[in-house]
N, C-alpha and C. Protein backbone atom coordinates (compact mmCIF):
# COMPACT_ATOMS: atom_id res chain seq x y z
N MET A 1 -26.85 5.38 -21.30
CA MET A 1 -25.45 5.00 -21.15
C MET A 1 -25.31 4.00 -20.00
N GLU A 2 -24.43 3.07 -20.19
CA GLU A 2 -24.12 2.10 -19.14
C GLU A 2 -23.11 2.70 -18.17
N LEU A 3 -23.08 2.19 -16.97
CA LEU A 3 -22.16 2.68 -15.94
C LEU A 3 -20.72 2.70 -16.43
N TYR A 4 -20.31 1.64 -17.10
CA TYR A 4 -18.92 1.54 -17.55
C TYR A 4 -18.59 2.49 -18.70
N ASP A 5 -19.60 3.15 -19.25
CA ASP A 5 -19.37 4.12 -20.32
C ASP A 5 -18.96 5.48 -19.76
N PHE A 6 -19.16 5.69 -18.46
CA PHE A 6 -18.83 6.98 -17.85
C PHE A 6 -17.34 7.04 -17.51
N THR A 7 -16.68 8.06 -18.00
CA THR A 7 -15.25 8.25 -17.78
C THR A 7 -14.93 8.31 -16.28
N GLY A 8 -15.74 9.02 -15.54
CA GLY A 8 -15.51 9.15 -14.10
C GLY A 8 -15.52 7.81 -13.38
N PHE A 9 -16.41 6.93 -13.80
CA PHE A 9 -16.47 5.61 -13.18
C PHE A 9 -15.23 4.80 -13.51
N GLN A 10 -14.78 4.86 -14.75
CA GLN A 10 -13.57 4.15 -15.16
C GLN A 10 -12.35 4.68 -14.40
N ILE A 11 -12.29 5.98 -14.24
CA ILE A 11 -11.18 6.58 -13.49
C ILE A 11 -11.24 6.14 -12.04
N HIS A 12 -12.42 6.12 -11.47
CA HIS A 12 -12.59 5.69 -10.08
C HIS A 12 -12.14 4.23 -9.89
N LEU A 13 -12.59 3.34 -10.77
CA LEU A 13 -12.19 1.94 -10.67
C LEU A 13 -10.67 1.79 -10.73
N THR A 14 -10.08 2.50 -11.67
CA THR A 14 -8.63 2.44 -11.84
C THR A 14 -7.92 3.01 -10.62
N ASP A 15 -8.43 4.12 -10.10
CA ASP A 15 -7.83 4.75 -8.93
C ASP A 15 -7.87 3.81 -7.73
N VAL A 16 -8.99 3.15 -7.52
CA VAL A 16 -9.11 2.22 -6.39
C VAL A 16 -8.09 1.10 -6.51
N LYS A 17 -8.00 0.49 -7.70
CA LYS A 17 -7.05 -0.62 -7.90
C LYS A 17 -5.61 -0.14 -7.75
N MET A 18 -5.29 1.01 -8.34
CA MET A 18 -3.92 1.53 -8.24
C MET A 18 -3.58 1.90 -6.80
N ASN A 19 -4.53 2.50 -6.10
CA ASN A 19 -4.29 2.88 -4.70
C ASN A 19 -4.07 1.64 -3.84
N ASN A 20 -4.86 0.59 -4.06
CA ASN A 20 -4.68 -0.66 -3.31
C ASN A 20 -3.31 -1.27 -3.59
N TYR A 21 -2.92 -1.29 -4.84
CA TYR A 21 -1.61 -1.84 -5.22
C TYR A 21 -0.49 -1.02 -4.55
N PHE A 22 -0.60 0.29 -4.65
CA PHE A 22 0.42 1.18 -4.10
C PHE A 22 0.48 1.06 -2.57
N THR A 23 -0.67 0.93 -1.93
CA THR A 23 -0.72 0.75 -0.47
C THR A 23 0.05 -0.50 -0.07
N LYS A 24 -0.14 -1.59 -0.82
CA LYS A 24 0.59 -2.84 -0.54
C LYS A 24 2.10 -2.65 -0.70
N GLN A 25 2.50 -1.89 -1.69
CA GLN A 25 3.93 -1.67 -1.91
C GLN A 25 4.56 -0.84 -0.79
N LEU A 26 3.78 0.06 -0.21
CA LEU A 26 4.30 0.95 0.85
C LEU A 26 4.17 0.37 2.25
N LYS A 27 3.38 -0.69 2.39
CA LYS A 27 3.12 -1.27 3.71
C LYS A 27 4.39 -1.60 4.49
N PRO A 28 5.43 -2.19 3.88
CA PRO A 28 6.65 -2.49 4.65
C PRO A 28 7.32 -1.25 5.26
N PHE A 29 7.03 -0.08 4.69
CA PHE A 29 7.63 1.16 5.18
C PHE A 29 6.74 1.87 6.19
N GLU A 30 5.57 1.29 6.44
CA GLU A 30 4.60 1.82 7.40
C GLU A 30 4.16 3.24 7.08
N ILE A 31 3.96 3.50 5.78
CA ILE A 31 3.40 4.78 5.34
C ILE A 31 2.29 4.50 4.32
N THR A 32 1.42 5.48 4.17
CA THR A 32 0.31 5.39 3.22
C THR A 32 0.67 6.14 1.94
N PRO A 33 -0.09 5.94 0.87
CA PRO A 33 0.16 6.73 -0.34
C PRO A 33 0.07 8.23 -0.08
N ASP A 34 -0.89 8.66 0.74
CA ASP A 34 -0.98 10.09 1.06
C ASP A 34 0.26 10.58 1.80
N GLN A 35 0.77 9.77 2.71
CA GLN A 35 1.99 10.15 3.43
C GLN A 35 3.18 10.18 2.48
N TRP A 36 3.20 9.26 1.52
CA TRP A 36 4.27 9.31 0.51
C TRP A 36 4.20 10.62 -0.26
N GLY A 37 2.98 11.07 -0.57
CA GLY A 37 2.84 12.35 -1.26
C GLY A 37 3.50 13.48 -0.50
N ILE A 38 3.35 13.47 0.81
CA ILE A 38 3.98 14.49 1.65
C ILE A 38 5.50 14.34 1.62
N LEU A 39 5.98 13.11 1.80
CA LEU A 39 7.42 12.87 1.76
C LEU A 39 8.03 13.33 0.44
N SER A 40 7.33 13.07 -0.64
CA SER A 40 7.87 13.41 -1.95
C SER A 40 7.99 14.92 -2.16
N VAL A 41 7.16 15.69 -1.46
CA VAL A 41 7.19 17.15 -1.60
C VAL A 41 8.21 17.77 -0.65
N LEU A 42 8.32 17.23 0.55
CA LEU A 42 9.20 17.84 1.56
C LEU A 42 10.66 17.52 1.32
N ASP A 43 11.49 18.34 1.94
CA ASP A 43 12.94 18.25 1.79
C ASP A 43 13.57 18.41 3.17
N GLY A 44 14.80 18.02 3.30
CA GLY A 44 15.50 18.18 4.58
C GLY A 44 16.12 19.54 4.75
N ASP A 45 16.36 20.24 3.63
CA ASP A 45 17.07 21.52 3.69
C ASP A 45 16.18 22.73 3.38
N LYS A 46 15.16 22.53 2.57
CA LYS A 46 14.31 23.64 2.13
C LYS A 46 12.96 23.57 2.84
N ALA A 47 12.57 24.66 3.46
CA ALA A 47 11.30 24.72 4.19
C ALA A 47 10.11 24.74 3.23
N THR A 48 9.06 24.07 3.64
CA THR A 48 7.78 24.11 2.94
C THR A 48 6.72 24.42 3.99
N THR A 49 5.84 25.37 3.70
CA THR A 49 4.78 25.68 4.66
C THR A 49 3.66 24.66 4.51
N GLN A 50 2.82 24.59 5.53
CA GLN A 50 1.67 23.68 5.48
C GLN A 50 0.76 24.06 4.32
N LYS A 51 0.61 25.35 4.08
CA LYS A 51 -0.25 25.81 2.98
C LYS A 51 0.33 25.37 1.64
N GLU A 52 1.63 25.54 1.45
CA GLU A 52 2.27 25.11 0.20
C GLU A 52 2.13 23.61 0.00
N LEU A 53 2.29 22.87 1.09
CA LEU A 53 2.17 21.42 1.02
C LEU A 53 0.74 21.02 0.64
N ALA A 54 -0.25 21.65 1.27
CA ALA A 54 -1.64 21.34 0.97
C ALA A 54 -1.94 21.60 -0.52
N GLU A 55 -1.42 22.69 -1.04
CA GLU A 55 -1.62 23.00 -2.46
C GLU A 55 -0.91 21.98 -3.35
N ALA A 56 0.29 21.59 -2.96
CA ALA A 56 1.08 20.66 -3.78
C ALA A 56 0.43 19.29 -3.89
N ILE A 57 -0.21 18.83 -2.82
CA ILE A 57 -0.82 17.49 -2.85
C ILE A 57 -2.33 17.57 -3.01
N ASP A 58 -2.84 18.78 -3.20
CA ASP A 58 -4.26 19.03 -3.44
C ASP A 58 -5.15 18.43 -2.35
N ARG A 59 -4.84 18.81 -1.12
CA ARG A 59 -5.64 18.40 0.05
C ARG A 59 -5.95 19.65 0.86
N ASP A 60 -7.04 19.59 1.63
CA ASP A 60 -7.35 20.73 2.48
C ASP A 60 -6.35 20.77 3.65
N GLN A 61 -6.16 21.95 4.20
CA GLN A 61 -5.14 22.14 5.23
C GLN A 61 -5.43 21.33 6.50
N THR A 62 -6.69 21.14 6.83
CA THR A 62 -7.02 20.36 8.02
C THR A 62 -6.53 18.92 7.87
N THR A 63 -6.75 18.33 6.71
CA THR A 63 -6.28 16.98 6.44
C THR A 63 -4.76 16.91 6.48
N VAL A 64 -4.12 17.91 5.91
CA VAL A 64 -2.65 17.95 5.88
C VAL A 64 -2.10 18.04 7.30
N VAL A 65 -2.72 18.83 8.14
CA VAL A 65 -2.26 18.97 9.53
C VAL A 65 -2.31 17.61 10.23
N ARG A 66 -3.40 16.87 10.02
CA ARG A 66 -3.52 15.53 10.62
C ARG A 66 -2.40 14.60 10.11
N MET A 67 -2.15 14.64 8.81
CA MET A 67 -1.12 13.76 8.24
C MET A 67 0.27 14.17 8.75
N ILE A 68 0.50 15.47 8.86
CA ILE A 68 1.79 15.97 9.37
C ILE A 68 1.97 15.51 10.81
N HIS A 69 0.91 15.61 11.60
CA HIS A 69 0.99 15.19 13.01
C HIS A 69 1.40 13.72 13.09
N SER A 70 0.80 12.88 12.26
CA SER A 70 1.12 11.46 12.24
C SER A 70 2.59 11.23 11.86
N LEU A 71 3.06 11.96 10.87
CA LEU A 71 4.47 11.82 10.44
C LEU A 71 5.43 12.38 11.48
N GLU A 72 5.00 13.39 12.21
CA GLU A 72 5.82 13.92 13.31
C GLU A 72 5.98 12.87 14.40
N LYS A 73 4.89 12.19 14.75
CA LYS A 73 4.94 11.15 15.78
C LYS A 73 5.91 10.03 15.38
N LYS A 74 6.02 9.77 14.09
CA LYS A 74 6.93 8.73 13.60
C LYS A 74 8.37 9.23 13.47
N GLY A 75 8.57 10.53 13.72
CA GLY A 75 9.92 11.10 13.64
C GLY A 75 10.39 11.34 12.21
N ILE A 76 9.45 11.50 11.29
CA ILE A 76 9.77 11.65 9.87
C ILE A 76 9.77 13.12 9.44
N VAL A 77 8.93 13.92 10.09
CA VAL A 77 8.76 15.32 9.74
C VAL A 77 8.94 16.17 10.98
N GLN A 78 9.55 17.35 10.78
CA GLN A 78 9.66 18.35 11.85
C GLN A 78 8.89 19.58 11.43
N ARG A 79 8.27 20.20 12.41
CA ARG A 79 7.48 21.41 12.15
C ARG A 79 8.04 22.52 13.03
N PHE A 80 8.34 23.67 12.42
CA PHE A 80 8.85 24.83 13.16
C PHE A 80 7.97 26.03 12.85
N VAL A 81 7.77 26.88 13.85
CA VAL A 81 7.01 28.10 13.64
C VAL A 81 7.75 28.97 12.64
N HIS A 82 7.01 29.51 11.68
CA HIS A 82 7.55 30.37 10.63
C HIS A 82 8.16 31.61 11.26
N ASP A 83 9.27 32.10 10.71
CA ASP A 83 9.98 33.26 11.26
C ASP A 83 9.13 34.53 11.28
N THR A 84 8.40 34.78 10.21
CA THR A 84 7.67 36.05 10.11
C THR A 84 6.18 35.92 10.35
N ASP A 85 5.61 34.73 10.11
CA ASP A 85 4.18 34.51 10.31
C ASP A 85 3.99 33.43 11.37
N LYS A 86 3.72 33.85 12.58
CA LYS A 86 3.63 32.92 13.72
C LYS A 86 2.47 31.94 13.60
N ARG A 87 1.51 32.21 12.69
CA ARG A 87 0.40 31.28 12.48
C ARG A 87 0.78 30.14 11.54
N SER A 88 1.89 30.30 10.86
CA SER A 88 2.33 29.34 9.86
C SER A 88 3.48 28.49 10.38
N HIS A 89 3.67 27.33 9.79
CA HIS A 89 4.77 26.44 10.17
C HIS A 89 5.59 26.07 8.96
N ASN A 90 6.90 25.98 9.17
CA ASN A 90 7.80 25.44 8.15
C ASN A 90 7.97 23.96 8.42
N LEU A 91 7.92 23.18 7.37
CA LEU A 91 8.04 21.74 7.48
C LEU A 91 9.32 21.27 6.82
N PHE A 92 9.98 20.33 7.47
CA PHE A 92 11.20 19.73 6.97
C PHE A 92 11.15 18.22 7.21
N LEU A 93 11.84 17.48 6.37
CA LEU A 93 12.05 16.07 6.67
C LEU A 93 13.17 15.96 7.69
N THR A 94 13.03 15.05 8.63
CA THR A 94 14.11 14.75 9.57
C THR A 94 15.12 13.86 8.84
N ASP A 95 16.23 13.55 9.50
CA ASP A 95 17.18 12.61 8.91
C ASP A 95 16.51 11.27 8.62
N LYS A 96 15.65 10.85 9.55
CA LYS A 96 14.89 9.61 9.36
C LYS A 96 13.98 9.72 8.14
N GLY A 97 13.36 10.88 7.97
CA GLY A 97 12.48 11.12 6.83
C GLY A 97 13.24 11.12 5.51
N ILE A 98 14.42 11.71 5.51
CA ILE A 98 15.26 11.73 4.30
C ILE A 98 15.67 10.31 3.93
N GLU A 99 16.05 9.54 4.92
CA GLU A 99 16.45 8.14 4.69
C GLU A 99 15.25 7.33 4.17
N LEU A 100 14.09 7.53 4.77
CA LEU A 100 12.89 6.81 4.35
C LEU A 100 12.53 7.17 2.90
N LYS A 101 12.59 8.45 2.59
CA LYS A 101 12.28 8.91 1.23
C LYS A 101 13.20 8.24 0.22
N SER A 102 14.48 8.13 0.54
CA SER A 102 15.43 7.51 -0.40
C SER A 102 15.18 6.01 -0.55
N LYS A 103 14.69 5.36 0.51
CA LYS A 103 14.37 3.93 0.43
C LYS A 103 13.07 3.67 -0.33
N VAL A 104 12.11 4.56 -0.17
CA VAL A 104 10.79 4.36 -0.78
C VAL A 104 10.78 4.75 -2.26
N LEU A 105 11.57 5.73 -2.65
CA LEU A 105 11.55 6.21 -4.03
C LEU A 105 11.72 5.10 -5.06
N PRO A 106 12.70 4.19 -4.92
CA PRO A 106 12.80 3.11 -5.91
C PRO A 106 11.57 2.21 -5.95
N VAL A 107 10.92 2.01 -4.83
CA VAL A 107 9.70 1.20 -4.77
C VAL A 107 8.57 1.92 -5.52
N VAL A 108 8.48 3.23 -5.34
CA VAL A 108 7.47 4.03 -6.03
C VAL A 108 7.71 3.99 -7.54
N ILE A 109 8.95 4.13 -7.93
CA ILE A 109 9.28 4.10 -9.36
C ILE A 109 8.94 2.73 -9.95
N ALA A 110 9.29 1.67 -9.23
CA ALA A 110 8.97 0.31 -9.70
C ALA A 110 7.45 0.11 -9.79
N ALA A 111 6.71 0.64 -8.82
CA ALA A 111 5.24 0.53 -8.84
C ALA A 111 4.67 1.28 -10.05
N HIS A 112 5.24 2.44 -10.33
CA HIS A 112 4.81 3.21 -11.50
C HIS A 112 5.05 2.41 -12.78
N HIS A 113 6.24 1.84 -12.91
CA HIS A 113 6.56 1.05 -14.10
C HIS A 113 5.64 -0.17 -14.22
N TYR A 114 5.35 -0.80 -13.10
CA TYR A 114 4.46 -1.96 -13.11
C TYR A 114 3.06 -1.56 -13.58
N ALA A 115 2.54 -0.47 -13.02
CA ALA A 115 1.18 -0.04 -13.35
C ALA A 115 1.05 0.44 -14.79
N THR A 116 2.13 0.93 -15.36
CA THR A 116 2.09 1.48 -16.73
C THR A 116 2.77 0.56 -17.74
N ARG A 117 3.01 -0.67 -17.37
CA ARG A 117 3.80 -1.57 -18.22
C ARG A 117 3.16 -1.86 -19.58
N TYR A 118 1.85 -1.70 -19.71
CA TYR A 118 1.20 -1.96 -20.99
C TYR A 118 1.07 -0.70 -21.85
N LEU A 119 1.59 0.41 -21.35
CA LEU A 119 1.51 1.69 -22.06
C LEU A 119 2.87 2.09 -22.62
N SER A 120 2.86 2.66 -23.81
CA SER A 120 4.09 3.22 -24.38
C SER A 120 4.36 4.57 -23.70
N ASN A 121 5.55 5.10 -23.89
CA ASN A 121 5.86 6.42 -23.33
C ASN A 121 4.92 7.48 -23.89
N GLU A 122 4.59 7.36 -25.16
CA GLU A 122 3.66 8.31 -25.77
C GLU A 122 2.27 8.20 -25.15
N GLU A 123 1.82 6.98 -24.90
CA GLU A 123 0.51 6.79 -24.26
C GLU A 123 0.50 7.35 -22.84
N ILE A 124 1.58 7.17 -22.11
CA ILE A 124 1.68 7.74 -20.76
C ILE A 124 1.60 9.26 -20.83
N HIS A 125 2.33 9.83 -21.76
CA HIS A 125 2.31 11.29 -21.95
C HIS A 125 0.90 11.78 -22.29
N ASN A 126 0.24 11.08 -23.23
CA ASN A 126 -1.12 11.45 -23.62
C ASN A 126 -2.11 11.28 -22.47
N LEU A 127 -1.97 10.20 -21.72
CA LEU A 127 -2.85 9.97 -20.57
C LEU A 127 -2.72 11.11 -19.56
N LYS A 128 -1.49 11.49 -19.26
CA LYS A 128 -1.29 12.60 -18.32
C LYS A 128 -1.94 13.88 -18.83
N ALA A 129 -1.79 14.15 -20.11
CA ALA A 129 -2.38 15.37 -20.70
C ALA A 129 -3.90 15.32 -20.61
N ILE A 130 -4.49 14.17 -20.89
CA ILE A 130 -5.95 14.02 -20.82
C ILE A 130 -6.43 14.17 -19.39
N LEU A 131 -5.74 13.53 -18.44
CA LEU A 131 -6.14 13.64 -17.04
C LEU A 131 -6.02 15.07 -16.53
N GLU A 132 -5.01 15.80 -16.98
CA GLU A 132 -4.87 17.21 -16.60
C GLU A 132 -6.06 18.03 -17.11
N LYS A 133 -6.52 17.73 -18.33
CA LYS A 133 -7.68 18.43 -18.88
C LYS A 133 -8.94 18.10 -18.09
N LEU A 134 -9.13 16.83 -17.76
CA LEU A 134 -10.30 16.45 -16.96
C LEU A 134 -10.25 17.12 -15.59
N TYR A 135 -9.07 17.14 -14.97
CA TYR A 135 -8.91 17.77 -13.67
C TYR A 135 -9.26 19.25 -13.76
N ALA A 136 -8.75 19.93 -14.79
CA ALA A 136 -9.02 21.35 -14.97
C ALA A 136 -10.52 21.60 -15.14
N ALA A 137 -11.20 20.69 -15.82
CA ALA A 137 -12.63 20.86 -16.08
C ALA A 137 -13.47 20.82 -14.81
N VAL A 138 -13.01 20.06 -13.80
CA VAL A 138 -13.79 19.94 -12.56
C VAL A 138 -13.13 20.61 -11.38
N ASN A 139 -12.00 21.23 -11.56
CA ASN A 139 -11.23 21.82 -10.45
C ASN A 139 -11.98 22.97 -9.79
N ASP A 140 -12.82 23.66 -10.49
CA ASP A 140 -13.53 24.81 -9.92
C ASP A 140 -14.70 24.39 -9.03
N GLU A 141 -15.09 23.14 -9.09
CA GLU A 141 -16.25 22.67 -8.33
C GLU A 141 -15.98 22.61 -6.87
């Protein structure tokens, strides 16, 4: 088999190109795609724990803590000690974070439409289903 025949390689190439494109779109907002993932999960009114956030964006907790610290320094995220579990923290978007999320969301949607412009809605649906199956196949590793 040739390198380009491997599904994993094709997914990797696509991921690199999409990540580069998305990074360029987010650059004016001074956030990374990973930081956008955090913003998209967090809310200003509803608490999310670091563990819940790590699970939602499929990152290890150590990495999430580093990203949260960076967003805290920018005044985008607030972290409070959990009421019942002092080892845990509740995370919220600050007013600045809520405003940033609302400004970035249309850019993210436009980037999604741009990246999928050659696909029909059915193809997008099928692609998501296939990627979920591939993810499930290697998720235990």
